[in-house]
Protein backbone atom coordinates (compact mmCIF):
# COMPACT_ATOMS: atom_id res chain seq x y z
CA MET A 1 -2.11 -38.41 -14.65
CA ASN A 2 0.92 -38.11 -12.32
CA GLN A 3 0.59 -36.71 -8.91
CA PRO A 4 3.03 -33.73 -8.10
CA THR A 5 5.65 -34.17 -5.40
CA LEU A 6 5.61 -31.11 -3.19
CA ASN A 7 8.25 -30.18 -0.67
CA PRO A 8 6.78 -29.44 2.86
CA GLN A 9 8.23 -26.70 4.99
CA ALA A 10 9.50 -27.29 8.60
CA ASN A 11 5.88 -26.98 9.97
CA ASP A 12 4.52 -29.52 7.53
CA SER A 13 2.69 -26.80 5.56
CA ILE A 14 3.25 -26.44 1.77
CA ARG A 15 4.41 -23.01 0.42
CA ILE A 16 2.34 -21.50 -2.31
CA ARG A 17 3.40 -18.37 -4.09
CA GLU A 18 1.56 -16.57 -6.83
CA ALA A 19 2.99 -13.70 -9.00
CA LEU A 20 1.80 -11.57 -11.85
CA LEU A 21 4.78 -11.26 -14.00
CA GLY A 22 3.51 -9.36 -17.06
CA SER A 23 0.70 -9.02 -19.74
CA ARG A 24 1.23 -12.47 -21.24
CA ILE A 25 3.44 -15.62 -20.87
CA ASP A 26 4.32 -17.88 -23.98
CA THR A 27 3.62 -21.31 -22.73
CA LYS A 28 4.52 -23.16 -25.93
CA PRO A 29 8.27 -23.82 -25.32
CA PHE A 30 7.59 -26.19 -22.43
CA ARG A 31 8.11 -29.82 -23.39
CA ALA A 32 5.36 -32.62 -23.05
CA ASP A 33 7.59 -34.60 -20.60
CA GLU A 34 7.42 -31.77 -18.20
CA THR A 35 3.73 -31.44 -18.31
CA LEU A 36 1.47 -32.75 -15.45
CA ALA A 37 -1.60 -31.30 -16.90
CA ILE A 38 -2.98 -28.52 -19.29
CA ASN A 39 -5.65 -25.78 -19.19
CA PRO A 40 -4.03 -24.52 -17.10
CA LEU A 41 -0.67 -25.70 -17.93
CA THR A 42 0.97 -27.40 -14.96
CA ILE A 43 4.65 -28.11 -14.94
CA ALA A 44 6.49 -30.66 -12.77
CA ILE A 45 9.81 -29.54 -11.16
CA PRO A 46 12.44 -32.32 -11.06
CA ASP A 47 13.60 -31.56 -7.40
CA GLY A 48 10.03 -31.47 -6.14
CA GLY A 49 7.12 -29.10 -6.54
CA CYS A 50 5.17 -27.77 -9.52
CA VAL A 51 4.21 -24.61 -11.41
CA VAL A 52 0.92 -23.58 -12.88
CA LEU A 53 1.19 -20.99 -15.73
CA PHE A 54 -1.50 -18.77 -17.12
CA ARG A 55 -1.05 -17.10 -20.46
CA TYR A 56 -2.26 -13.83 -19.13
CA GLY A 57 0.91 -13.42 -17.11
CA VAL A 58 0.42 -15.20 -13.81
CA VAL A 59 2.49 -18.02 -12.33
CA VAL A 60 1.69 -20.02 -9.24
CA PHE A 61 4.37 -22.07 -7.43
CA PHE A 62 3.49 -25.06 -5.25
CA GLY A 63 5.95 -26.55 -2.77
CA MET A 64 9.11 -25.00 -4.20
CA SER A 65 12.03 -23.31 -2.49
CA THR A 66 13.05 -19.80 -3.17
CA ALA A 67 15.94 -20.98 -5.08
CA GLN A 68 13.82 -23.22 -7.28
CA GLU A 69 11.48 -20.33 -7.95
CA THR A 70 14.34 -18.03 -8.83
CA GLN A 71 15.74 -20.57 -11.21
CA PHE A 72 12.43 -21.10 -12.95
CA LEU A 73 11.79 -17.45 -13.08
CA GLU A 74 15.06 -16.99 -15.03
CA ARG A 75 14.02 -19.55 -17.54
CA LEU A 76 10.63 -17.91 -17.81
CA GLN A 77 11.95 -14.30 -18.35
CA PRO A 78 12.34 -14.41 -22.10
CA LEU A 79 8.72 -15.71 -22.45
CA ILE A 80 7.11 -12.81 -20.77
CA GLN A 81 5.53 -9.91 -22.54
CA GLU A 82 5.48 -6.49 -21.06
CA PRO A 83 7.14 -7.70 -17.88
CA HIS A 84 6.41 -6.01 -14.55
CA THR A 85 9.44 -4.21 -12.95
CA SER A 86 8.32 -5.24 -9.57
CA PRO A 87 5.80 -8.22 -9.80
CA ASP A 88 3.13 -8.41 -7.14
CA ASP A 89 2.99 -11.66 -5.35
CA GLU A 90 1.10 -13.47 -2.65
CA LEU A 91 2.08 -16.12 -0.27
CA ILE A 92 -0.13 -18.78 1.43
CA ASN A 93 0.38 -21.99 3.41
CA LEU A 94 -1.32 -25.18 2.34
CA ARG A 95 -2.01 -28.08 4.66
CA ILE A 96 -3.56 -31.50 3.91
CA ASP A 97 -6.27 -33.13 6.09
CA THR A 98 -9.15 -35.28 4.94
CA ALA A 99 -11.10 -34.40 8.05
CA GLN A 100 -10.73 -30.53 7.63
CA LEU A 101 -13.19 -28.46 5.48
CA GLU A 102 -11.53 -27.43 2.34
CA GLY A 103 -10.83 -23.79 2.01
CA VAL A 104 -9.11 -20.95 3.82
CA ASP A 105 -9.49 -20.83 7.58
CA ALA A 106 -9.52 -17.72 9.81
CA GLN A 107 -5.78 -17.77 10.14
CA GLY A 108 -5.32 -17.58 6.31
CA CYS A 109 -4.17 -21.24 5.91
CA LEU A 110 -5.51 -23.19 2.89
CA TRP A 111 -6.75 -26.80 3.65
CA LEU A 112 -7.17 -29.49 1.06
CA HIS A 113 -8.14 -33.20 1.17
CA ASP A 114 -5.29 -34.20 -1.06
CA ILE A 115 -2.82 -32.62 -3.53
CA SER A 116 -4.31 -33.93 -6.74
CA VAL A 117 -3.45 -31.98 -9.72
CA GLN A 118 -6.94 -30.81 -10.41
CA ARG A 119 -7.20 -29.42 -6.77
CA LEU A 120 -3.80 -27.53 -7.32
CA GLN A 121 -5.02 -26.22 -10.76
CA LEU A 122 -8.26 -24.95 -9.08
CA VAL A 123 -6.40 -23.26 -6.31
CA ALA A 124 -3.93 -21.73 -8.79
CA GLU A 125 -6.69 -20.51 -11.08
CA MET A 126 -8.50 -18.63 -8.17
CA LEU A 127 -5.27 -17.09 -7.01
CA ALA A 128 -4.45 -15.99 -10.57
CA ARG A 129 -7.95 -14.39 -11.00
CA SER A 130 -7.55 -12.53 -7.61
CA SER A 131 -4.14 -11.26 -8.87
CA VAL A 132 -5.53 -9.99 -12.23
CA LEU A 133 -8.49 -8.32 -10.36
CA SER A 134 -5.93 -6.54 -7.96
CA ASP A 135 -3.97 -5.35 -10.95
CA ASP A 136 -7.00 -3.92 -12.64
CA GLU A 137 -8.28 -2.37 -9.32
CA ALA A 138 -4.96 -0.55 -8.95
CA ARG A 139 -4.92 0.68 -12.47
CA LEU A 140 -8.55 1.69 -12.59
CA THR A 141 -8.14 3.59 -9.21
CA LYS A 142 -5.44 5.70 -10.82
CA THR A 143 -7.54 6.52 -13.82
CA PHE A 144 -10.56 7.11 -11.61
CA GLU A 145 -8.57 9.71 -9.65
CA LYS A 146 -7.45 11.50 -12.92
CA ILE A 147 -10.89 11.61 -14.40
CA GLU A 148 -12.78 12.76 -11.49
CA PRO A 149 -11.41 16.32 -11.47
CA LEU A 150 -12.52 16.71 -15.10
CA ALA A 151 -16.12 15.95 -14.24
CA GLN A 152 -15.62 18.62 -11.25
CA ASN A 153 -14.17 21.02 -13.73
CA LEU A 154 -17.12 20.59 -16.03
CA ARG A 155 -19.64 21.17 -13.27
CA LYS A 156 -17.88 24.29 -11.92
CA ARG A 157 -16.63 25.96 -15.16
CA GLY A 158 -18.64 24.32 -17.93
CA LYS A 159 -15.42 23.29 -19.66
CA VAL A 160 -13.80 19.89 -20.47
CA GLY A 161 -10.35 21.00 -19.41
CA GLN A 162 -8.55 18.12 -21.09
CA LYS A 163 -7.15 17.26 -24.43
CA LYS A 164 -8.91 14.79 -26.88
CA GLN A 165 -5.96 12.33 -26.88
CA VAL A 166 -5.94 12.09 -22.99
CA LEU A 167 -9.82 11.16 -23.05
CA LEU A 168 -9.12 8.63 -25.70
CA THR A 169 -6.36 7.17 -23.46
CA TYR A 170 -8.94 6.82 -20.61
CA ILE A 171 -11.40 5.00 -22.90
CA GLY A 172 -8.58 2.71 -24.13
CA ASP A 173 -7.60 1.82 -20.62
CA SER A 174 -11.34 0.81 -19.85
CA LEU A 175 -11.64 -1.29 -22.92
CA LEU A 176 -8.29 -2.98 -22.17
CA SER A 177 -9.34 -3.86 -18.64
CA GLN A 178 -12.70 -5.20 -19.82
CA GLN A 179 -10.77 -7.35 -22.45
CA ARG A 180 -8.37 -8.71 -19.75
CA MET A 181 -11.15 -9.64 -17.26
CA VAL A 182 -13.45 -11.13 -19.90
CA GLY A 183 -11.32 -12.38 -22.67
CA ARG A 184 -8.18 -13.60 -20.84
CA ALA A 185 -8.80 -14.23 -17.09
CA GLU A 186 -12.49 -15.01 -17.71
CA VAL A 187 -13.03 -13.97 -14.01
CA ALA A 188 -16.79 -14.37 -13.93
CA ASP A 189 -16.74 -17.82 -15.45
CA LYS A 190 -16.44 -21.17 -13.79
CA PRO A 191 -13.10 -22.97 -14.50
CA ASP A 192 -13.26 -25.62 -17.26
CA LEU A 193 -11.89 -28.34 -15.00
CA LEU A 194 -15.29 -28.25 -13.01
CA TRP A 195 -16.84 -29.89 -15.94
CA GLU A 196 -14.70 -32.91 -15.54
CA ARG A 197 -14.52 -32.71 -11.61
CA PRO A 198 -17.89 -31.47 -10.43
CA GLU A 199 -17.07 -32.66 -6.92
CA LEU A 200 -14.71 -29.51 -6.72
CA GLU A 201 -17.67 -27.31 -6.93
CA GLY A 202 -17.77 -26.66 -3.19
CA LEU A 203 -14.00 -25.84 -3.00
CA TYR A 204 -14.48 -23.41 -5.93
CA LEU A 205 -17.34 -21.61 -4.31
CA ARG A 206 -15.59 -21.32 -0.98
CA LEU A 207 -12.45 -19.89 -2.63
CA GLU A 208 -14.50 -17.49 -4.82
CA ASP A 209 -16.03 -16.29 -1.53
CA GLU A 210 -12.83 -16.08 0.32
CA PHE A 211 -11.15 -13.91 -2.36
CA GLU A 212 -14.37 -12.01 -3.10
CA LEU A 213 -13.91 -12.50 -6.74
CA ARG A 214 -17.61 -11.93 -7.77
CA GLU A 215 -17.98 -8.85 -5.71
CA ARG A 216 -14.76 -7.29 -6.77
CA HIS A 217 -15.64 -8.11 -10.48
CA LEU A 218 -18.87 -6.41 -10.30
CA ALA A 219 -17.33 -3.38 -8.55
CA LEU A 220 -14.76 -3.21 -11.32
CA GLU A 221 -17.42 -3.45 -13.96
CA ARG A 222 -19.22 -0.45 -12.26
CA LYS A 223 -16.13 1.56 -12.10
CA LEU A 224 -15.26 0.66 -15.68
CA GLN A 225 -18.60 1.89 -16.84
CA VAL A 226 -18.39 5.24 -14.93
CA ILE A 227 -15.02 5.95 -16.31
CA SER A 228 -16.03 4.93 -19.82
CA ASN A 229 -19.21 6.95 -19.76
CA THR A 230 -17.50 10.00 -18.19
CA ALA A 231 -14.64 9.93 -20.86
CA GLU A 232 -17.04 9.54 -23.79
CA THR A 233 -19.33 12.33 -22.48
CA LEU A 234 -16.40 14.69 -22.15
CA LEU A 235 -15.03 13.68 -25.50
CA ASP A 236 -18.45 14.44 -27.05
CA LEU A 237 -18.54 17.82 -25.42
CA LEU A 238 -15.01 18.51 -26.51
CA GLN A 239 -15.82 17.59 -30.11
CA THR A 240 -18.99 19.72 -30.01
CA GLN A 241 -17.03 22.76 -28.70
CA GLN A 242 -14.36 22.22 -31.39
CA SER A 243 -17.22 21.93 -34.05
CA HIS A 244 -18.68 25.21 -32.83
CA ARG A 245 -15.24 26.81 -32.96
CA VAL A 246 -14.83 25.70 -36.59
CA GLU A 247 -18.36 27.10 -37.45
CA TRP A 248 -17.31 30.50 -35.98
CA TYR A 249 -14.15 30.54 -37.89
CA ILE A 250 -16.12 29.82 -41.10
CA THR A 251 -18.67 32.56 -40.22
CA ILE A 252 -15.91 35.07 -39.68
CA LEU A 253 -14.13 34.13 -42.97
CA ILE A 254 -17.40 34.53 -44.78
CA VAL A 255 -18.07 37.87 -43.10
CA VAL A 256 -14.55 39.10 -43.99
CA GLU A 257 -15.07 37.77 -47.57
CA ILE A 258 -18.30 39.72 -47.90
CA GLY A 259 -16.67 42.86 -46.38
CA LEU A 260 -13.82 42.66 -48.94
CA THR A 261 -16.36 42.13 -51.74
CA LEU A 262 -18.35 45.15 -50.63
CA TYR A 263 -15.15 47.25 -50.29
CA GLU A 264 -14.15 46.58 -53.83
CA LEU A 265 -17.68 47.19 -55.24
CA PHE A 266 -18.35 50.61 -53.43
CA PHE A 267 -14.79 52.10 -53.09
CA LYS A 268 -12.57 50.66 -55.75
CA GLY A 269 -15.30 50.82 -58.21
CA HIS A 270 -15.50 54.64 -58.15
């Protein structure tokens, strides 16, 4: 496996940039001769640097200039599904030192013992997971803010105060977020490369702790559960109210029909 060539900055650190570009990236068009590694797909850049791509919409640049990143993003643009108009990104500096403990220090600098492809893949995967969590956190916060007044309205007035389609949308948002975290980013699972490189377990645990991935994932699961339960409860109540309303309509129609029948019997019959 080839080693990537990374371009250092003036202070001898290596620039890392991560960005969430959309809901999905089609990685099939990239040629085999460009590939340093797969799972996740790692692409070598001719003028130095490398890119790690994730199908769930995240790209991580290592040791590339702004011009190189822009050029690669232009190539990537047609392959992005549901692109974000203003992608969230994160910058971090990487330094290499075999005597330094691997991980992120108090100043926010990332230290590694070397720039092997597997180490870069692991770093990219942890950054990508953090990005997906941040995106879900922002989206669910908005949903939570919308659904909280509905619960308050139910407590104060005893009414749902929202349409069925809106409640179904909230439930759909919750299901999509769960699918994204579990089915795509696999935030709670260990990266596959640790099976081949168990010596990277310590780096994985330190990065997981640094980005608080486990805690954030659990917090999101709790919030998802609250949103889902609230929306489902309100939907059940709304359907019950509608069912009762239909029953009243039927009852009224029956009473009217009986009244008309009696009128015909006692008044029109004479």
